[in-house]
Amino acid sequence: MDEIDLKIVSTLQKDARISLKKLADICFISAPAVSTRLSHLEQRGIISSYQTSIDYKILGFPIKAYVSLRLSAKDKNDFYPYIKSVGNVVSCDCVTGSYSQIITCYFKSTKSLDNFINDIQRFGETKTQIVFSTSVNQRPLELTPGKNYF
């Protein structure tokens, strides 16, 4: 990836609906050149989708929770299809540590969250954290050419 590709990706992280013309102006290249670069970034898997940020509280899902699950290897084949089918789950990551899965989910009520936790415990022990407030919302990774990162 060169500096122009980084500029394209960085800009798209902030506004995935930006026009090709505006993106071309920002990168100082033509719109067809931007289109070609976008195609290459998609083919390489660097850009996998274009998404909209949603405020789930406004949609009626005020309870955000992180559910850690200690999943045994023998249950993985049943667990992965199950967790993909739960509409309240926005992400599920396999992690290191005493729990093997961290599930991010949104619910309309603590009762609904409790029902989910009761259901998921058939796969293993859980630990749940409910979010009270968020000081930094999900944001793009800063991609500045030549900058040192930790």
Protein backbone atom coordinates (compact mmCIF):
# COMPACT_ATOMS: atom_id res chain seq x y z
CA MET A 1 0.00 0.00 0.00
CA ASP A 2 1.30 3.40 -0.91
CA GLU A 3 0.37 6.80 0.56
CA ILE A 4 -2.58 7.22 -1.83
CA ASP A 5 -4.05 3.87 -0.80
CA LEU A 6 -3.65 4.85 2.86
CA LYS A 7 -5.37 8.18 2.15
CA ILE A 8 -8.26 6.37 0.41
CA VAL A 9 -8.72 3.87 3.26
CA SER A 10 -8.39 6.55 5.93
CA THR A 11 -10.96 8.75 4.21
CA LEU A 12 -13.41 5.89 3.67
CA GLN A 13 -13.20 4.96 7.36
CA LYS A 14 -14.53 8.42 8.19
CA ASP A 15 -17.12 8.60 5.39
CA ALA A 16 -17.92 5.46 3.42
CA ARG A 17 -20.50 7.40 1.37
CA ILE A 18 -18.00 9.89 -0.05
CA SER A 19 -18.26 10.33 -3.81
CA LEU A 20 -15.51 9.10 -6.11
CA LYS A 21 -15.03 12.67 -7.33
CA LYS A 22 -14.51 14.03 -3.82
CA LEU A 23 -12.22 11.13 -2.92
CA ALA A 24 -10.23 11.79 -6.10
CA ASP A 25 -9.92 15.48 -5.17
CA ILE A 26 -8.65 14.60 -1.69
CA CYS A 27 -6.06 12.18 -3.16
CA PHE A 28 -5.13 14.44 -6.09
CA ILE A 29 -5.85 11.72 -8.66
CA SER A 30 -8.64 11.12 -11.18
CA ALA A 31 -11.96 9.45 -10.31
CA PRO A 32 -11.19 6.47 -12.62
CA ALA A 33 -7.84 6.04 -10.82
CA VAL A 34 -9.66 6.03 -7.46
CA SER A 35 -12.11 3.46 -8.79
CA THR A 36 -9.25 1.21 -9.91
CA ARG A 37 -7.51 1.55 -6.57
CA LEU A 38 -10.75 0.76 -4.71
CA SER A 39 -11.16 -2.40 -6.79
CA HIS A 40 -7.61 -3.48 -5.95
CA LEU A 41 -8.13 -2.74 -2.23
CA GLU A 42 -11.32 -4.83 -2.29
CA GLN A 43 -9.66 -7.69 -4.19
CA ARG A 44 -6.79 -7.75 -1.68
CA GLY A 45 -9.30 -7.90 1.18
CA ILE A 46 -8.13 -4.61 2.70
CA ILE A 47 -11.65 -3.22 2.18
CA SER A 48 -14.14 -5.93 3.04
CA SER A 49 -17.35 -3.88 3.35
CA TYR A 50 -18.83 -0.41 3.60
CA GLN A 51 -20.83 0.13 6.77
CA THR A 52 -23.10 2.59 8.49
CA SER A 53 -22.69 3.47 12.16
CA ILE A 54 -25.96 2.99 14.04
CA ASP A 55 -26.98 4.32 17.46
CA TYR A 56 -28.65 1.22 18.90
CA LYS A 57 -30.02 3.11 21.91
CA ILE A 58 -32.15 5.28 19.63
CA LEU A 59 -33.40 2.12 17.91
CA GLY A 60 -34.60 0.79 21.27
CA PHE A 61 -31.64 -1.39 22.28
CA PRO A 62 -30.19 0.53 25.27
CA ILE A 63 -28.43 -2.43 26.92
CA LYS A 64 -24.95 -3.04 25.54
CA ALA A 65 -23.09 -5.96 27.07
CA TYR A 66 -19.89 -7.93 26.73
CA VAL A 67 -20.38 -11.60 27.47
CA SER A 68 -17.26 -13.67 27.99
CA LEU A 69 -17.71 -17.37 27.39
CA ARG A 70 -15.45 -20.26 28.34
CA LEU A 71 -16.13 -22.50 25.32
CA SER A 72 -14.75 -26.01 25.16
CA ALA A 73 -13.24 -27.18 21.88
CA LYS A 74 -15.84 -29.95 21.55
CA ASP A 75 -18.68 -27.37 21.44
CA LYS A 76 -17.23 -25.11 18.73
CA ASN A 77 -19.07 -26.82 15.85
CA ASP A 78 -22.42 -26.19 17.54
CA PHE A 79 -21.54 -22.78 19.01
CA TYR A 80 -20.43 -20.90 15.88
CA PRO A 81 -23.63 -21.46 13.87
CA TYR A 82 -25.67 -20.66 16.99
CA ILE A 83 -23.93 -17.36 17.75
CA LYS A 84 -24.16 -16.26 14.09
CA SER A 85 -27.93 -16.80 14.27
CA VAL A 86 -28.47 -14.51 17.28
CA GLY A 87 -29.54 -11.14 15.91
CA ASN A 88 -28.58 -9.26 19.08
CA VAL A 89 -24.91 -10.22 18.67
CA VAL A 90 -22.86 -7.67 16.72
CA SER A 91 -19.49 -9.38 17.19
CA CYS A 92 -17.93 -12.50 18.63
CA ASP A 93 -14.17 -12.77 18.97
CA CYS A 94 -12.08 -15.81 19.87
CA VAL A 95 -9.53 -14.52 22.41
CA THR A 96 -6.74 -15.60 24.71
CA GLY A 97 -7.17 -15.79 28.47
CA SER A 98 -9.46 -17.63 30.83
CA TYR A 99 -12.47 -17.10 28.55
CA SER A 100 -12.19 -18.05 24.88
CA GLN A 101 -14.98 -15.92 23.38
CA ILE A 102 -15.98 -12.28 23.87
CA ILE A 103 -19.44 -11.50 22.56
CA THR A 104 -20.66 -7.93 22.05
CA CYS A 105 -24.44 -7.67 22.06
CA TYR A 106 -27.35 -5.24 22.41
CA PHE A 107 -30.71 -5.85 24.09
CA LYS A 108 -33.96 -4.02 24.72
CA SER A 109 -33.98 -5.02 28.40
CA THR A 110 -31.93 -6.72 31.07
CA LYS A 111 -34.55 -9.49 31.04
CA SER A 112 -33.75 -10.18 27.35
CA LEU A 113 -30.03 -10.16 28.13
CA ASP A 114 -30.65 -12.58 31.02
CA ASN A 115 -32.56 -14.93 28.68
CA PHE A 116 -29.63 -14.86 26.23
CA ILE A 117 -27.12 -15.58 29.00
CA ASN A 118 -29.22 -18.47 30.30
CA ASP A 119 -29.37 -19.91 26.78
CA ILE A 120 -25.68 -19.50 26.00
CA GLN A 121 -24.57 -21.14 29.26
CA ARG A 122 -25.21 -24.52 27.66
CA PHE A 123 -21.90 -23.88 25.85
CA GLY A 124 -19.92 -23.02 28.99
CA GLU A 125 -19.34 -20.63 31.85
CA THR A 126 -20.08 -16.95 31.22
CA LYS A 127 -19.09 -13.60 32.68
CA THR A 128 -21.14 -10.55 31.70
CA GLN A 129 -20.33 -6.86 31.76
CA ILE A 130 -23.01 -4.27 31.03
CA VAL A 131 -21.83 -0.95 29.60
CA PHE A 132 -22.87 2.11 31.65
CA SER A 133 -21.30 4.71 29.36
CA THR A 134 -18.83 5.00 26.50
CA SER A 135 -16.00 7.54 26.59
CA VAL A 136 -14.65 6.63 23.12
CA ASN A 137 -17.08 5.28 20.53
CA GLN A 138 -15.86 2.87 17.90
CA ARG A 139 -13.73 4.92 15.57
CA PRO A 140 -11.45 4.43 12.63
CA LEU A 141 -7.87 3.36 13.12
CA GLU A 142 -5.65 6.34 12.34
CA LEU A 143 -3.71 5.60 9.16
CA THR A 144 -1.19 8.35 8.60
CA PRO A 145 1.69 7.69 6.20
CA GLY A 146 5.05 7.86 7.94
CA LYS A 147 3.58 8.01 11.46
CA ASN A 148 4.90 5.69 14.16
CA TYR A 149 2.32 3.54 15.89
CA PHE A 150 2.53 1.73 19.22
